[in-house]
Every structure is written in C-alpha cells, then in structure tokens.
C-alpha atoms as a PDB file:
ATOM      1  CA  MET A   1      -0.023  -0.110   0.036  1.00  0.00           C
ATOM      2  CA  ASN A   2       1.734   3.320  -0.879  1.00  0.00           C
ATOM      3  CA  ARG A   3       1.898   6.273   1.473  1.00  0.00           C
ATOM      4  CA  PHE A   4      -0.986   8.175  -0.193  1.00  0.00           C
ATOM      5  CA  TRP A   5      -3.751   5.523   0.396  1.00  0.00           C
ATOM      6  CA  LYS A   6      -2.194   4.773   4.163  1.00  0.00           C
ATOM      7  CA  ASN A   7      -2.681   8.630   4.638  1.00  0.00           C
ATOM      8  CA  VAL A   8      -6.324   8.692   3.145  1.00  0.00           C
ATOM      9  CA  SER A   9      -7.056   5.435   5.297  1.00  0.00           C
ATOM     10  CA  VAL A  10      -5.907   7.143   8.674  1.00  0.00           C
ATOM     11  CA  LEU A  11      -7.599  10.473   7.601  1.00  0.00           C
ATOM     12  CA  LEU A  12     -11.016   8.361   7.057  1.00  0.00           C
ATOM     13  CA  GLY A  13     -10.409   6.372  10.114  1.00  0.00           C
ATOM     14  CA  LEU A  14      -9.889   9.715  12.102  1.00  0.00           C
ATOM     15  CA  ILE A  15     -13.074  11.320  10.629  1.00  0.00           C
ATOM     16  CA  LEU A  16     -15.293   8.248  11.440  1.00  0.00           C
ATOM     17  CA  ALA A  17     -13.904   8.074  15.091  1.00  0.00           C
ATOM     18  CA  ILE A  18     -14.772  11.795  15.134  1.00  0.00           C
ATOM     19  CA  LEU A  19     -18.328  11.520  13.845  1.00  0.00           C
ATOM     20  CA  ILE A  20     -18.947   8.399  16.319  1.00  0.00           C
ATOM     21  CA  ALA A  21     -17.732  10.649  19.318  1.00  0.00           C
ATOM     22  CA  ALA A  22     -20.001  13.532  18.148  1.00  0.00           C
ATOM     23  CA  ALA A  23     -22.840  11.169  17.745  1.00  0.00           C
ATOM     24  CA  TRP A  24     -22.527   9.785  21.083  1.00  0.00           C
ATOM     25  CA  TYR A  25     -21.737  13.017  22.955  1.00  0.00           C
ATOM     26  CA  MET A  26     -25.196  14.497  21.056  1.00  0.00           C
ATOM     27  CA  GLY A  27     -27.137  11.430  22.305  1.00  0.00           C
ATOM     28  CA  CYS A  28     -27.714   9.725  19.490  1.00  0.00           C
ATOM     29  CA  MET A  29     -26.292   6.235  20.911  1.00  0.00           C
ATOM     30  CA  GLY A  30     -28.329   6.666  24.006  1.00  0.00           C
ATOM     31  CA  THR A  31     -31.349   4.402  24.904  1.00  0.00           C
ATOM     32  CA  TYR A  32     -34.401   6.410  25.800  1.00  0.00           C
ATOM     33  CA  GLU A  33     -36.953   5.226  27.898  1.00  0.00           C
ATOM     34  CA  VAL A  34     -40.770   6.450  28.924  1.00  0.00           C
ATOM     35  CA  GLU A  35     -41.306   7.228  32.617  1.00  0.00           C
ATOM     36  CA  VAL A  36     -44.884   7.949  33.694  1.00  0.00           C
ATOM     37  CA  ARG A  37     -44.678  10.745  36.212  1.00  0.00           C
ATOM     38  CA  SER A  38     -46.085  14.106  37.424  1.00  0.00           C
ATOM     39  CA  MET A  39     -45.180  17.058  35.961  1.00  0.00           C
ATOM     40  CA  GLY A  40     -46.110  21.035  36.448  1.00  0.00           C
ATOM     41  CA  PRO A  41     -47.953  22.909  37.039  1.00  0.00           C
ATOM     42  CA  TYR A  42     -46.342  25.622  34.778  1.00  0.00           C
ATOM     43  CA  ASN A  43     -47.017  29.277  34.061  1.00  0.00           C
ATOM     44  CA  PHE A  44     -46.758  29.324  30.354  1.00  0.00           C
ATOM     45  CA  VAL A  45     -46.348  32.600  28.476  1.00  0.00           C
ATOM     46  CA  TYR A  46     -46.645  31.984  24.580  1.00  0.00           C
ATOM     47  CA  GLU A  47     -47.237  33.163  21.074  1.00  0.00           C
ATOM     48  CA  GLU A  48     -49.282  31.053  18.507  1.00  0.00           C
ATOM     49  CA  TYR A  49     -47.490  29.808  15.676  1.00  0.00           C
ATOM     50  CA  THR A  50     -48.642  28.111  12.691  1.00  0.00           C
ATOM     51  CA  GLY A  51     -46.097  26.659  10.232  1.00  0.00           C
ATOM     52  CA  PRO A  52     -43.312  23.951  10.088  1.00  0.00           C
ATOM     53  CA  TYR A  53     -41.928  23.161  13.610  1.00  0.00           C
ATOM     54  CA  THR A  54     -38.496  23.146  12.581  1.00  0.00           C
ATOM     55  CA  GLN A  55     -38.761  26.812  11.726  1.00  0.00           C
ATOM     56  CA  SER A  56     -40.287  27.884  15.167  1.00  0.00           C
ATOM     57  CA  GLY A  57     -37.093  29.145  17.028  1.00  0.00           C
ATOM     58  CA  PRO A  58     -37.476  32.900  16.215  1.00  0.00           C
ATOM     59  CA  VAL A  59     -40.826  32.780  18.056  1.00  0.00           C
ATOM     60  CA  PHE A  60     -39.205  31.591  21.255  1.00  0.00           C
ATOM     61  CA  THR A  61     -36.808  33.917  20.805  1.00  0.00           C
ATOM     62  CA  ARG A  62     -39.209  36.724  20.480  1.00  0.00           C
ATOM     63  CA  VAL A  63     -41.216  35.654  23.784  1.00  0.00           C
ATOM     64  CA  TYR A  64     -37.980  35.444  25.533  1.00  0.00           C
ATOM     65  CA  ASP A  65     -36.789  38.968  24.411  1.00  0.00           C
ATOM     66  CA  SER A  66     -40.073  40.547  25.250  1.00  0.00           C
ATOM     67  CA  LEU A  67     -40.184  39.080  28.782  1.00  0.00           C
ATOM     68  CA  LEU A  68     -36.773  40.234  29.278  1.00  0.00           C
ATOM     69  CA  GLU A  69     -37.606  43.871  28.184  1.00  0.00           C
ATOM     70  CA  ASP A  70     -40.342  43.824  30.828  1.00  0.00           C
ATOM     71  CA  GLY A  71     -38.263  42.473  33.510  1.00  0.00           C
ATOM     72  CA  ILE A  72     -39.258  38.990  33.758  1.00  0.00           C
ATOM     73  CA  GLY A  73     -36.326  36.396  33.373  1.00  0.00           C
ATOM     74  CA  THR A  74     -36.837  32.773  32.569  1.00  0.00           C
ATOM     75  CA  ASN A  75     -34.483  29.884  31.453  1.00  0.00           C
ATOM     76  CA  VAL A  76     -36.973  27.499  30.674  1.00  0.00           C
ATOM     77  CA  GLY A  77     -38.664  27.359  27.254  1.00  0.00           C
ATOM     78  CA  MET A  78     -41.834  25.385  26.605  1.00  0.00           C
ATOM     79  CA  GLY A  79     -43.490  24.186  23.210  1.00  0.00           C
ATOM     80  CA  LEU A  80     -47.089  22.895  23.004  1.00  0.00           C
ATOM     81  CA  TYR A  81     -47.454  21.176  19.736  1.00  0.00           C
ATOM     82  CA  TYR A  82     -50.945  20.360  18.607  1.00  0.00           C
ATOM     83  CA  ASP A  83     -50.256  18.363  15.268  1.00  0.00           C
ATOM     84  CA  ASN A  84     -48.615  15.552  14.202  1.00  0.00           C
ATOM     85  CA  PRO A  85     -46.115  16.398  11.329  1.00  0.00           C
ATOM     86  CA  ASP A  86     -46.654  13.117   9.633  1.00  0.00           C
ATOM     87  CA  GLU A  87     -50.382  13.691   9.188  1.00  0.00           C
ATOM     88  CA  VAL A  88     -50.731  17.560   8.876  1.00  0.00           C
ATOM     89  CA  ALA A  89     -49.174  19.676   6.168  1.00  0.00           C
ATOM     90  CA  GLN A  90     -45.955  21.425   7.281  1.00  0.00           C
ATOM     91  CA  ASP A  91     -47.531  25.011   6.581  1.00  0.00           C
ATOM     92  CA  GLU A  92     -50.663  24.015   8.939  1.00  0.00           C
ATOM     93  CA  LEU A  93     -48.965  22.932  11.900  1.00  0.00           C
ATOM     94  CA  TYR A  94     -50.307  24.526  15.175  1.00  0.00           C
ATOM     95  CA  SER A  95     -48.323  25.405  17.903  1.00  0.00           C
ATOM     96  CA  GLU A  96     -47.831  27.615  21.190  1.00  0.00           C
ATOM     97  CA  LEU A  97     -44.415  28.634  21.965  1.00  0.00           C
ATOM     98  CA  GLY A  98     -42.648  30.582  24.679  1.00  0.00           C
ATOM     99  CA  SER A  99     -41.323  30.370  28.161  1.00  0.00           C
ATOM    100  CA  VAL A 100     -42.275  29.170  31.740  1.00  0.00           C
ATOM    101  CA  ILE A 101     -42.502  31.871  34.308  1.00  0.00           C
ATOM    102  CA  ASP A 102     -42.553  31.362  38.175  1.00  0.00           C
ATOM    103  CA  ASP A 103     -45.633  32.247  40.221  1.00  0.00           C
ATOM    104  CA  ILE A 104     -44.516  35.617  41.443  1.00  0.00           C
ATOM    105  CA  GLN A 105     -43.688  36.562  37.706  1.00  0.00           C
ATOM    106  CA  ALA A 106     -46.945  35.573  36.840  1.00  0.00           C
ATOM    107  CA  THR A 107     -48.734  38.001  39.138  1.00  0.00           C
ATOM    108  CA  VAL A 108     -46.743  40.729  37.445  1.00  0.00           C
ATOM    109  CA  LEU A 109     -46.878  39.680  33.801  1.00  0.00           C
ATOM    110  CA  PRO A 110     -48.003  42.980  31.911  1.00  0.00           C
ATOM    111  CA  GLU A 111     -51.037  42.739  29.660  1.00  0.00           C
ATOM    112  CA  GLY A 112     -50.747  41.818  25.857  1.00  0.00           C
ATOM    113  CA  TYR A 113     -49.281  38.582  26.306  1.00  0.00           C
ATOM    114  CA  ASN A 114     -50.938  35.081  25.945  1.00  0.00           C
ATOM    115  CA  SER A 115     -50.818  32.920  29.104  1.00  0.00           C
ATOM    116  CA  LYS A 116     -52.208  29.929  30.866  1.00  0.00           C
ATOM    117  CA  VAL A 117     -51.457  27.660  33.458  1.00  0.00           C
ATOM    118  CA  ILE A 118     -50.614  24.015  32.428  1.00  0.00           C
ATOM    119  CA  ASP A 119     -52.070  22.017  35.537  1.00  0.00           C
ATOM    120  CA  SER A 120     -49.901  19.324  37.110  1.00  0.00           C
ATOM    121  CA  THR A 121     -50.621  15.986  35.865  1.00  0.00           C
ATOM    122  CA  GLU A 122     -49.424  12.395  34.702  1.00  0.00           C
ATOM    123  CA  TYR A 123     -47.142  12.437  31.544  1.00  0.00           C
ATOM    124  CA  ALA A 124     -45.254   9.863  29.517  1.00  0.00           C
ATOM    125  CA  VAL A 125     -41.752  11.640  29.750  1.00  0.00           C
ATOM    126  CA  VAL A 126     -38.865  11.076  28.143  1.00  0.00           C
ATOM    127  CA  LYS A 127     -35.816  13.018  28.943  1.00  0.00           C
ATOM    128  CA  PHE A 128     -33.072  13.808  26.263  1.00  0.00           C
ATOM    129  CA  PRO A 129     -29.869  15.505  27.335  1.00  0.00           C
ATOM    130  CA  TYR A 130     -29.528  19.378  25.813  1.00  0.00           C
ATOM    131  CA  LYS A 131     -25.763  19.739  24.895  1.00  0.00           C
ATOM    132  CA  ASN A 132     -26.187  22.733  22.153  1.00  0.00           C
ATOM    133  CA  MET A 133     -28.638  23.860  19.509  1.00  0.00           C
ATOM    134  CA  LEU A 134     -28.217  20.392  17.497  1.00  0.00           C
ATOM    135  CA  SER A 135     -30.329  18.894  20.414  1.00  0.00           C
ATOM    136  CA  TYR A 136     -33.355  20.551  19.203  1.00  0.00           C
ATOM    137  CA  MET A 137     -33.055  18.753  15.898  1.00  0.00           C
ATOM    138  CA  ILE A 138     -31.816  15.266  17.211  1.00  0.00           C
ATOM    139  CA  GLY A 139     -33.834  15.135  20.198  1.00  0.00           C
ATOM    140  CA  PRO A 140     -37.526  14.506  18.148  1.00  0.00           C
ATOM    141  CA  ILE A 141     -35.633  12.195  15.895  1.00  0.00           C
ATOM    142  CA  MET A 142     -34.551  10.031  18.912  1.00  0.00           C
ATOM    143  CA  VAL A 143     -37.497  10.355  21.384  1.00  0.00           C
ATOM    144  CA  TYR A 144     -40.791  10.637  19.504  1.00  0.00           C
ATOM    145  CA  PRO A 145     -40.334   7.007  18.293  1.00  0.00           C
ATOM    146  CA  VAL A 146     -40.032   5.976  21.525  1.00  0.00           C
ATOM    147  CA  LEU A 147     -43.028   7.683  22.631  1.00  0.00           C
ATOM    148  CA  ASN A 148     -45.102   6.385  19.689  1.00  0.00           C
ATOM    149  CA  GLU A 149     -44.186   2.888  20.742  1.00  0.00           C
ATOM    150  CA  TYR A 150     -45.260   3.323  24.013  1.00  0.00           C
ATOM    151  CA  PHE A 151     -48.489   4.771  23.108  1.00  0.00           C
ATOM    152  CA  GLY A 152     -48.826   1.962  20.210  1.00  0.00           C
ATOM    153  CA  ASN A 153     -51.756   2.151  17.979  1.00  0.00           C
ATOM    154  CA  GLU A 154     -53.935   3.487  20.773  1.00  0.00           C
ATOM    155  CA  GLU A 155     -55.386   6.803  20.655  1.00  0.00           C
ATOM    156  CA  ASN A 156     -54.396   8.388  23.878  1.00  0.00           C
ATOM    157  CA  GLY A 157     -56.720  11.493  23.778  1.00  0.00           C
ATOM    158  CA  ALA A 158     -53.659  13.934  24.458  1.00  0.00           C
ATOM    159  CA  GLU A 159     -54.818  17.500  23.152  1.00  0.00           C
ATOM    160  CA  TYR A 160     -50.749  18.328  22.445  1.00  0.00           C
ATOM    161  CA  ALA A 161     -47.124  17.093  22.948  1.00  0.00           C
ATOM    162  CA  ILE A 162     -45.122  19.263  25.076  1.00  0.00           C
ATOM    163  CA  GLU A 163     -41.406  19.881  24.713  1.00  0.00           C
ATOM    164  CA  LEU A 164     -39.888  21.527  28.076  1.00  0.00           C
ATOM    165  CA  TYR A 165     -36.375  23.012  27.305  1.00  0.00           C
ATOM    166  CA  THR A 166     -34.177  23.354  30.386  1.00  0.00           C
ATOM    167  CA  GLN A 167     -30.343  24.275  30.539  1.00  0.00           C
ATOM    168  CA  ASP A 168     -29.428  20.700  30.658  1.00  0.00           C
ATOM    169  CA  ALA A 169     -32.268  18.816  29.217  1.00  0.00           C
ATOM    170  CA  ILE A 170     -35.389  18.459  27.030  1.00  0.00           C
ATOM    171  CA  TYR A 171     -38.409  16.607  28.413  1.00  0.00           C
ATOM    172  CA  TYR A 172     -40.770  15.386  25.717  1.00  0.00           C
ATOM    173  CA  MET A 173     -43.958  14.702  27.454  1.00  0.00           C
ATOM    174  CA  ILE A 174     -47.551  13.339  26.286  1.00  0.00           C
ATOM    175  CA  GLU A 175     -50.180  13.386  28.900  1.00  0.00           C
ATOM    176  CA  VAL A 176     -51.567   9.969  29.881  1.00  0.00           C
ATOM    177  CA  ALA A 177     -55.049   9.300  29.624  1.00  0.00           C
ATOM    178  CA  GLN A 178     -56.800   9.214  33.309  1.00  0.00           C
END
C-alpha cells in the first residue's frame, strides 16, 4: 500500500472516530425510555404559531426577549405541539411557543401576553440531554419514536405534546389518559 492510500485510510478512520464521538456526545447512541410521572404546574407565556415546527426558533426568541424587556427573566422554554407532522401539512402545523415563568412573575406579567397555567398531571416523559442547538433537531428524531411505541396504536386523547427546554435537558411529554 503506498503512502497516499495509507494517509487517506488514517484520515478516514479519524473522521469516522470523530463522527462516532460526536454522535455519542449528542445523545444519538443513548437508549431512551418512557417514565410516567407527574409534571407541572407551569405558568406558560406563549405566542401562537402556524407553520413548520423546524422554523419555530424565532418565536421562542421573540417571547423570551419580550419578557426580558419587561423585566421578567426565565431560562425554561416550552412548546405545545398540537399536530402530528406526519399527518398535517407543514404549513398548517399549529403550536404555542414560549417560556415558563414562576408564580411571582405570573402576578406581575404585563397585559398583552398570552398566558395560561398548565396543570400538574401524569405524563409519559422522555428526557433527552441538551448539549447545544443541535439537540433541538436530534431530540425529536430520537424521542418521538419511543413515545409512539409506548402509546402503540392507541389514541391516547392528548390534546398536544409538550417539549420543556431546560439548561441541561429537553423533556418530551404527552399526557397519559386518566
């Protein structure tokens, strides 16, 4: 084997090792299981959005920045996703996107915001590690098949799926029928 092919082989091996390490780091190699547990309540401040879920980032930023301008800090984001993207056209997907605020902040929330309380209830929950912005793209690919398998072909009656974004994890939640 000449020197050129030896160098190419080493380089390809190195690239493969880096890709495997990156996939592991991002959570692509993890096993994810559903845990049924009580979550909430949440004071949710949001903006309605219709369109591809993959293009919802600016809505979160707009709500977060607006809250900060009004002196309300938060580091927890939340999305309520009403439609299944496998069944509804991308431009018709409906969601509510925004931030979770604490009870005290909820009492001083200025007028003009959409807000509601999401009560504590039992959810099927899958926790996915948050590493960086790619986690928002990789998480749904890894987690929703697990949730779909958990519910099987049963219609669970949940109005929406919730994604709760914290500093170290993303919680994917679907209400469990009571």
